[in-house]
Amino acid sequence: MTRSWVLLLAIGLAVPAYAQQGTSEIRGRVVDQQGAVLPGVVVVARNQDTGNYREMVSNADGTFFISGIRPGS
């Protein structure tokens, strides 16, 4: 009976740990070689393993922000 409870407890603790998958974000600023900002540039973050990608266009000040991406290659 004790082994059953230990097994149940182990399974109960393992499932929530497995379900937690983190996401990440990428922030940056697009500039040219002279340091001038470049608005309207398409920035692409692509996962090499899955082929999934996210696109963002840089703002008027050259900044971009891509959120909710899963870490990977």
PDB file of N, CA and C in Angstrom:
ATOM      1  N   MET A   1       0.821  -1.188   0.000  1.00  0.00           N
ATOM      2  CA  MET A   1       0.000   0.000   0.000  1.00  0.00           C
ATOM      3  C   MET A   1       0.866   1.253   0.000  1.00  0.00           C
ATOM      4  N   THR A   2       1.975   1.255   0.729  1.00  0.00           N
ATOM      5  CA  THR A   2       2.850   2.416   0.801  1.00  0.00           C
ATOM      6  C   THR A   2       3.480   2.706  -0.553  1.00  0.00           C
ATOM      7  N   ARG A   3       3.863   1.672  -1.281  1.00  0.00           N
ATOM      8  CA  ARG A   3       4.465   1.863  -2.595  1.00  0.00           C
ATOM      9  C   ARG A   3       3.478   2.506  -3.561  1.00  0.00           C
ATOM     10  N   SER A   4       2.224   2.175  -3.448  1.00  0.00           N
ATOM     11  CA  SER A   4       1.209   2.769  -4.319  1.00  0.00           C
ATOM     12  C   SER A   4       1.122   4.270  -4.096  1.00  0.00           C
ATOM     13  N   TRP A   5       1.166   4.691  -2.847  1.00  0.00           N
ATOM     14  CA  TRP A   5       1.094   6.124  -2.541  1.00  0.00           C
ATOM     15  C   TRP A   5       2.331   6.855  -3.038  1.00  0.00           C
ATOM     16  N   VAL A   6       3.491   6.232  -2.895  1.00  0.00           N
ATOM     17  CA  VAL A   6       4.730   6.855  -3.363  1.00  0.00           C
ATOM     18  C   VAL A   6       4.691   7.001  -4.878  1.00  0.00           C
ATOM     19  N   LEU A   7       4.224   5.968  -5.567  1.00  0.00           N
ATOM     20  CA  LEU A   7       4.113   6.015  -7.019  1.00  0.00           C
ATOM     21  C   LEU A   7       3.116   7.082  -7.453  1.00  0.00           C
ATOM     22  N   LEU A   8       1.981   7.139  -6.785  1.00  0.00           N
ATOM     23  CA  LEU A   8       0.976   8.145  -7.107  1.00  0.00           C
ATOM     24  C   LEU A   8       1.511   9.551  -6.870  1.00  0.00           C
ATOM     25  N   LEU A   9       2.227   9.742  -5.790  1.00  0.00           N
ATOM     26  CA  LEU A   9       2.811  11.042  -5.483  1.00  0.00           C
ATOM     27  C   LEU A   9       3.844  11.424  -6.539  1.00  0.00           C
ATOM     28  N   ALA A  10       4.673  10.461  -6.934  1.00  0.00           N
ATOM     29  CA  ALA A  10       5.693  10.732  -7.954  1.00  0.00           C
ATOM     30  C   ALA A  10       5.058  11.118  -9.284  1.00  0.00           C
ATOM     31  N   ILE A  11       4.012  10.432  -9.681  1.00  0.00           N
ATOM     32  CA  ILE A  11       3.313  10.757 -10.928  1.00  0.00           C
ATOM     33  C   ILE A  11       2.644  12.123 -10.820  1.00  0.00           C
ATOM     34  N   GLY A  12       2.042  12.383  -9.680  1.00  0.00           N
ATOM     35  CA  GLY A  12       1.373  13.666  -9.471  1.00  0.00           C
ATOM     36  C   GLY A  12       2.325  14.841  -9.535  1.00  0.00           C
ATOM     37  N   LEU A  13       3.544  14.662  -9.064  1.00  0.00           N
ATOM     38  CA  LEU A  13       4.531  15.736  -9.107  1.00  0.00           C
ATOM     39  C   LEU A  13       5.196  15.853 -10.469  1.00  0.00           C
ATOM     40  N   ALA A  14       5.308  14.756 -11.185  1.00  0.00           N
ATOM     41  CA  ALA A  14       5.974  14.768 -12.485  1.00  0.00           C
ATOM     42  C   ALA A  14       5.127  15.431 -13.555  1.00  0.00           C
ATOM     43  N   VAL A  15       3.842  15.268 -13.516  1.00  0.00           N
ATOM     44  CA  VAL A  15       2.972  15.821 -14.560  1.00  0.00           C
ATOM     45  C   VAL A  15       3.026  17.339 -14.607  1.00  0.00           C
ATOM     46  N   PRO A  16       2.879  18.060 -13.478  1.00  0.00           N
ATOM     47  CA  PRO A  16       2.976  19.515 -13.551  1.00  0.00           C
ATOM     48  C   PRO A  16       4.350  19.994 -14.019  1.00  0.00           C
ATOM     49  N   ALA A  17       5.408  19.308 -13.633  1.00  0.00           N
ATOM     50  CA  ALA A  17       6.737  19.709 -14.063  1.00  0.00           C
ATOM     51  C   ALA A  17       6.886  19.530 -15.566  1.00  0.00           C
ATOM     52  N   TYR A  18       6.303  18.490 -16.114  1.00  0.00           N
ATOM     53  CA  TYR A  18       6.378  18.238 -17.546  1.00  0.00           C
ATOM     54  C   TYR A  18       5.575  19.273 -18.328  1.00  0.00           C
ATOM     55  N   ALA A  19       4.487  19.719 -17.768  1.00  0.00           N
ATOM     56  CA  ALA A  19       3.596  20.630 -18.474  1.00  0.00           C
ATOM     57  C   ALA A  19       4.142  22.053 -18.559  1.00  0.00           C
ATOM     58  N   GLN A  20       5.110  22.381 -17.743  1.00  0.00           N
ATOM     59  CA  GLN A  20       5.634  23.741 -17.747  1.00  0.00           C
ATOM     60  C   GLN A  20       6.690  23.898 -18.834  1.00  0.00           C
ATOM     61  N   GLN A  21       6.345  24.646 -19.847  1.00  0.00           N
ATOM     62  CA  GLN A  21       7.296  24.942 -20.916  1.00  0.00           C
ATOM     63  C   GLN A  21       7.463  26.445 -20.985  1.00  0.00           C
ATOM     64  N   GLY A  22       8.684  26.904 -20.877  1.00  0.00           N
ATOM     65  CA  GLY A  22       8.936  28.327 -20.865  1.00  0.00           C
ATOM     66  C   GLY A  22       8.901  28.948 -22.244  1.00  0.00           C
ATOM     67  N   THR A  23       8.645  30.215 -22.248  1.00  0.00           N
ATOM     68  CA  THR A  23       8.749  30.989 -23.481  1.00  0.00           C
ATOM     69  C   THR A  23       9.755  32.098 -23.246  1.00  0.00           C
ATOM     70  N   SER A  24      10.171  32.687 -24.313  1.00  0.00           N
ATOM     71  CA  SER A  24      11.183  33.716 -24.224  1.00  0.00           C
ATOM     72  C   SER A  24      10.799  34.897 -25.092  1.00  0.00           C
ATOM     73  N   GLU A  25      11.651  35.885 -25.116  1.00  0.00           N
ATOM     74  CA  GLU A  25      11.399  37.060 -25.938  1.00  0.00           C
ATOM     75  C   GLU A  25      12.720  37.577 -26.490  1.00  0.00           C
ATOM     76  N   ILE A  26      12.619  38.281 -27.587  1.00  0.00           N
ATOM     77  CA  ILE A  26      13.788  38.902 -28.203  1.00  0.00           C
ATOM     78  C   ILE A  26      13.467  40.375 -28.385  1.00  0.00           C
ATOM     79  N   ARG A  27      14.354  41.230 -27.907  1.00  0.00           N
ATOM     80  CA  ARG A  27      14.226  42.677 -28.076  1.00  0.00           C
ATOM     81  C   ARG A  27      15.481  43.168 -28.773  1.00  0.00           C
ATOM     82  N   GLY A  28      15.319  44.189 -29.569  1.00  0.00           N
ATOM     83  CA  GLY A  28      16.497  44.734 -30.218  1.00  0.00           C
ATOM     84  C   GLY A  28      16.213  46.043 -30.926  1.00  0.00           C
ATOM     85  N   ARG A  29      17.247  46.536 -31.569  1.00  0.00           N
ATOM     86  CA  ARG A  29      17.139  47.778 -32.336  1.00  0.00           C
ATOM     87  C   ARG A  29      17.918  47.581 -33.619  1.00  0.00           C
ATOM     88  N   VAL A  30      17.303  47.934 -34.727  1.00  0.00           N
ATOM     89  CA  VAL A  30      17.943  47.784 -36.027  1.00  0.00           C
ATOM     90  C   VAL A  30      18.586  49.121 -36.395  1.00  0.00           C
ATOM     91  N   VAL A  31      19.899  49.080 -36.642  1.00  0.00           N
ATOM     92  CA  VAL A  31      20.639  50.281 -37.031  1.00  0.00           C
ATOM     93  C   VAL A  31      21.538  49.947 -38.220  1.00  0.00           C
ATOM     94  N   ASP A  32      21.922  50.991 -38.972  1.00  0.00           N
ATOM     95  CA  ASP A  32      22.857  50.782 -40.072  1.00  0.00           C
ATOM     96  C   ASP A  32      24.293  50.917 -39.557  1.00  0.00           C
ATOM     97  N   GLN A  33      25.275  50.863 -40.450  1.00  0.00           N
ATOM     98  CA  GLN A  33      26.683  50.878 -40.045  1.00  0.00           C
ATOM     99  C   GLN A  33      27.095  52.186 -39.374  1.00  0.00           C
ATOM    100  N   GLN A  34      26.378  53.255 -39.663  1.00  0.00           N
ATOM    101  CA  GLN A  34      26.684  54.545 -39.046  1.00  0.00           C
ATOM    102  C   GLN A  34      25.934  54.746 -37.726  1.00  0.00           C
ATOM    103  N   GLY A  35      25.064  53.801 -37.351  1.00  0.00           N
ATOM    104  CA  GLY A  35      24.320  53.888 -36.107  1.00  0.00           C
ATOM    105  C   GLY A  35      22.953  54.537 -36.238  1.00  0.00           C
ATOM    106  N   ALA A  36      22.544  54.884 -37.462  1.00  0.00           N
ATOM    107  CA  ALA A  36      21.217  55.472 -37.675  1.00  0.00           C
ATOM    108  C   ALA A  36      20.159  54.368 -37.575  1.00  0.00           C
ATOM    109  N   VAL A  37      19.021  54.680 -36.942  1.00  0.00           N
ATOM    110  CA  VAL A  37      17.961  53.679 -36.779  1.00  0.00           C
ATOM    111  C   VAL A  37      17.301  53.378 -38.118  1.00  0.00           C
ATOM    112  N   LEU A  38      16.812  52.155 -38.241  1.00  0.00           N
ATOM    113  CA  LEU A  38      16.153  51.713 -39.475  1.00  0.00           C
ATOM    114  C   LEU A  38      14.731  51.250 -39.160  1.00  0.00           C
ATOM    115  N   PRO A  39      13.747  52.108 -39.345  1.00  0.00           N
ATOM    116  CA  PRO A  39      12.358  51.701 -39.134  1.00  0.00           C
ATOM    117  C   PRO A  39      11.853  50.875 -40.313  1.00  0.00           C
ATOM    118  N   GLY A  40      10.862  50.034 -40.050  1.00  0.00           N
ATOM    119  CA  GLY A  40      10.222  49.265 -41.119  1.00  0.00           C
ATOM    120  C   GLY A  40      10.972  48.044 -41.595  1.00  0.00           C
ATOM    121  N   VAL A  41      11.969  47.604 -40.856  1.00  0.00           N
ATOM    122  CA  VAL A  41      12.739  46.412 -41.226  1.00  0.00           C
ATOM    123  C   VAL A  41      12.029  45.184 -40.667  1.00  0.00           C
ATOM    124  N   VAL A  42      11.870  44.147 -41.499  1.00  0.00           N
ATOM    125  CA  VAL A  42      11.250  42.899 -41.047  1.00  0.00           C
ATOM    126  C   VAL A  42      12.311  42.056 -40.349  1.00  0.00           C
ATOM    127  N   VAL A  43      12.040  41.716 -39.089  1.00  0.00           N
ATOM    128  CA  VAL A  43      12.930  40.878 -38.286  1.00  0.00           C
ATOM    129  C   VAL A  43      12.253  39.519 -38.139  1.00  0.00           C
ATOM    130  N   VAL A  44      12.985  38.444 -38.441  1.00  0.00           N
ATOM    131  CA  VAL A  44      12.425  37.088 -38.387  1.00  0.00           C
ATOM    132  C   VAL A  44      13.204  36.260 -37.373  1.00  0.00           C
ATOM    133  N   ALA A  45      12.477  35.613 -36.461  1.00  0.00           N
ATOM    134  CA  ALA A  45      13.061  34.643 -35.527  1.00  0.00           C
ATOM    135  C   ALA A  45      12.538  33.272 -35.945  1.00  0.00           C
ATOM    136  N   ARG A  46      13.437  32.387 -36.347  1.00  0.00           N
ATOM    137  CA  ARG A  46      13.043  31.067 -36.866  1.00  0.00           C
ATOM    138  C   ARG A  46      13.667  29.963 -36.019  1.00  0.00           C
ATOM    139  N   ASN A  47      12.841  28.978 -35.644  1.00  0.00           N
ATOM    140  CA  ASN A  47      13.326  27.799 -34.944  1.00  0.00           C
ATOM    141  C   ASN A  47      13.847  26.826 -35.997  1.00  0.00           C
ATOM    142  N   GLN A  48      15.131  26.549 -35.977  1.00  0.00           N
ATOM    143  CA  GLN A  48      15.740  25.689 -36.990  1.00  0.00           C
ATOM    144  C   GLN A  48      15.253  24.250 -36.909  1.00  0.00           C
ATOM    145  N   ASP A  49      14.863  23.803 -35.709  1.00  0.00           N
ATOM    146  CA  ASP A  49      14.417  22.419 -35.543  1.00  0.00           C
ATOM    147  C   ASP A  49      13.008  22.198 -36.085  1.00  0.00           C
ATOM    148  N   THR A  50      12.111  23.154 -35.838  1.00  0.00           N
ATOM    149  CA  THR A  50      10.704  22.972 -36.218  1.00  0.00           C
ATOM    150  C   THR A  50      10.310  23.738 -37.483  1.00  0.00           C
ATOM    151  N   GLY A  51      11.072  24.755 -37.837  1.00  0.00           N
ATOM    152  CA  GLY A  51      10.722  25.583 -38.984  1.00  0.00           C
ATOM    153  C   GLY A  51       9.719  26.685 -38.642  1.00  0.00           C
ATOM    154  N   ASN A  52       9.215  26.693 -37.408  1.00  0.00           N
ATOM    155  CA  ASN A  52       8.294  27.751 -36.985  1.00  0.00           C
ATOM    156  C   ASN A  52       9.031  29.077 -36.947  1.00  0.00           C
ATOM    157  N   TYR A  53       8.312  30.146 -37.265  1.00  0.00           N
ATOM    158  CA  TYR A  53       8.946  31.453 -37.236  1.00  0.00           C
ATOM    159  C   TYR A  53       7.961  32.525 -36.799  1.00  0.00           C
ATOM    160  N   ARG A  54       8.509  33.639 -36.353  1.00  0.00           N
ATOM    161  CA  ARG A  54       7.729  34.810 -35.969  1.00  0.00           C
ATOM    162  C   ARG A  54       8.357  36.009 -36.649  1.00  0.00           C
ATOM    163  N   GLU A  55       7.529  36.896 -37.154  1.00  0.00           N
ATOM    164  CA  GLU A  55       8.007  38.107 -37.814  1.00  0.00           C
ATOM    165  C   GLU A  55       7.539  39.339 -37.052  1.00  0.00           C
ATOM    166  N   MET A  56       8.360  40.361 -37.088  1.00  0.00           N
ATOM    167  CA  MET A  56       8.022  41.645 -36.483  1.00  0.00           C
ATOM    168  C   MET A  56       8.675  42.724 -37.330  1.00  0.00           C
ATOM    169  N   VAL A  57       8.034  43.874 -37.422  1.00  0.00           N
ATOM    170  CA  VAL A  57       8.583  45.007 -38.145  1.00  0.00           C
ATOM    171  C   VAL A  57       9.098  46.021 -37.127  1.00  0.00           C
ATOM    172  N   SER A  58      10.304  46.528 -37.357  1.00  0.00           N
ATOM    173  CA  SER A  58      10.872  47.497 -36.426  1.00  0.00           C
ATOM    174  C   SER A  58      10.056  48.792 -36.438  1.00  0.00           C
ATOM    175  N   ASN A  59       9.948  49.407 -35.258  1.00  0.00           N
ATOM    176  CA  ASN A  59       9.174  50.637 -35.077  1.00  0.00           C
ATOM    177  C   ASN A  59       9.904  51.848 -35.662  1.00  0.00           C
ATOM    178  N   ALA A  60       9.301  53.013 -35.485  1.00  0.00           N
ATOM    179  CA  ALA A  60       9.876  54.265 -35.984  1.00  0.00           C
ATOM    180  C   ALA A  60      11.265  54.539 -35.397  1.00  0.00           C
ATOM    181  N   ASP A  61      11.511  54.054 -34.182  1.00  0.00           N
ATOM    182  CA  ASP A  61      12.828  54.257 -33.561  1.00  0.00           C
ATOM    183  C   ASP A  61      13.759  53.061 -33.773  1.00  0.00           C
ATOM    184  N   GLY A  62      13.376  52.136 -34.663  1.00  0.00           N
ATOM    185  CA  GLY A  62      14.212  50.991 -35.000  1.00  0.00           C
ATOM    186  C   GLY A  62      14.108  49.819 -34.049  1.00  0.00           C
ATOM    187  N   THR A  63      13.300  49.934 -32.999  1.00  0.00           N
ATOM    188  CA  THR A  63      13.204  48.851 -32.023  1.00  0.00           C
ATOM    189  C   THR A  63      12.199  47.792 -32.464  1.00  0.00           C
ATOM    190  N   PHE A  64      12.415  46.575 -31.974  1.00  0.00           N
ATOM    191  CA  PHE A  64      11.471  45.485 -32.210  1.00  0.00           C
ATOM    192  C   PHE A  64      11.382  44.633 -30.956  1.00  0.00           C
ATOM    193  N   PHE A  65      10.291  43.893 -30.831  1.00  0.00           N
ATOM    194  CA  PHE A  65      10.035  43.041 -29.676  1.00  0.00           C
ATOM    195  C   PHE A  65       9.235  41.838 -30.157  1.00  0.00           C
ATOM    196  N   ILE A  66       9.797  40.650 -29.981  1.00  0.00           N
ATOM    197  CA  ILE A  66       9.111  39.403 -30.334  1.00  0.00           C
ATOM    198  C   ILE A  66       8.954  38.606 -29.047  1.00  0.00           C
ATOM    199  N   SER A  67       7.723  38.309 -28.651  1.00  0.00           N
ATOM    200  CA  SER A  67       7.484  37.599 -27.388  1.00  0.00           C
ATOM    201  C   SER A  67       6.780  36.272 -27.632  1.00  0.00           C
ATOM    202  N   GLY A  68       6.747  35.456 -26.589  1.00  0.00           N
ATOM    203  CA  GLY A  68       6.027  34.190 -26.639  1.00  0.00           C
ATOM    204  C   GLY A  68       6.659  33.141 -27.520  1.00  0.00           C
ATOM    205  N   ILE A  69       7.972  33.188 -27.693  1.00  0.00           N
ATOM    206  CA  ILE A  69       8.630  32.172 -28.520  1.00  0.00           C
ATOM    207  C   ILE A  69       9.247  31.111 -27.626  1.00  0.00           C
ATOM    208  N   ARG A  70       9.261  29.888 -28.112  1.00  0.00           N
ATOM    209  CA  ARG A  70       9.851  28.786 -27.353  1.00  0.00           C
ATOM    210  C   ARG A  70      11.342  28.728 -27.637  1.00  0.00           C
ATOM    211  N   PRO A  71      12.129  28.572 -26.595  1.00  0.00           N
ATOM    212  CA  PRO A  71      13.588  28.478 -26.802  1.00  0.00           C
ATOM    213  C   PRO A  71      13.936  27.275 -27.664  1.00  0.00           C
ATOM    214  N   GLY A  72      14.945  27.423 -28.461  1.00  0.00           N
ATOM    215  CA  GLY A  72      15.396  26.343 -29.330  1.00  0.00           C
ATOM    216  C   GLY A  72      16.543  26.825 -30.187  1.00  0.00           C
ATOM    217  N   SER A  73      16.903  26.006 -31.159  1.00  0.00           N
ATOM    218  CA  SER A  73      17.998  26.366 -32.075  1.00  0.00           C
ATOM    219  C   SER A  73      17.515  27.319 -33.124  1.00  0.00           C
TER     220      SER A  73
END
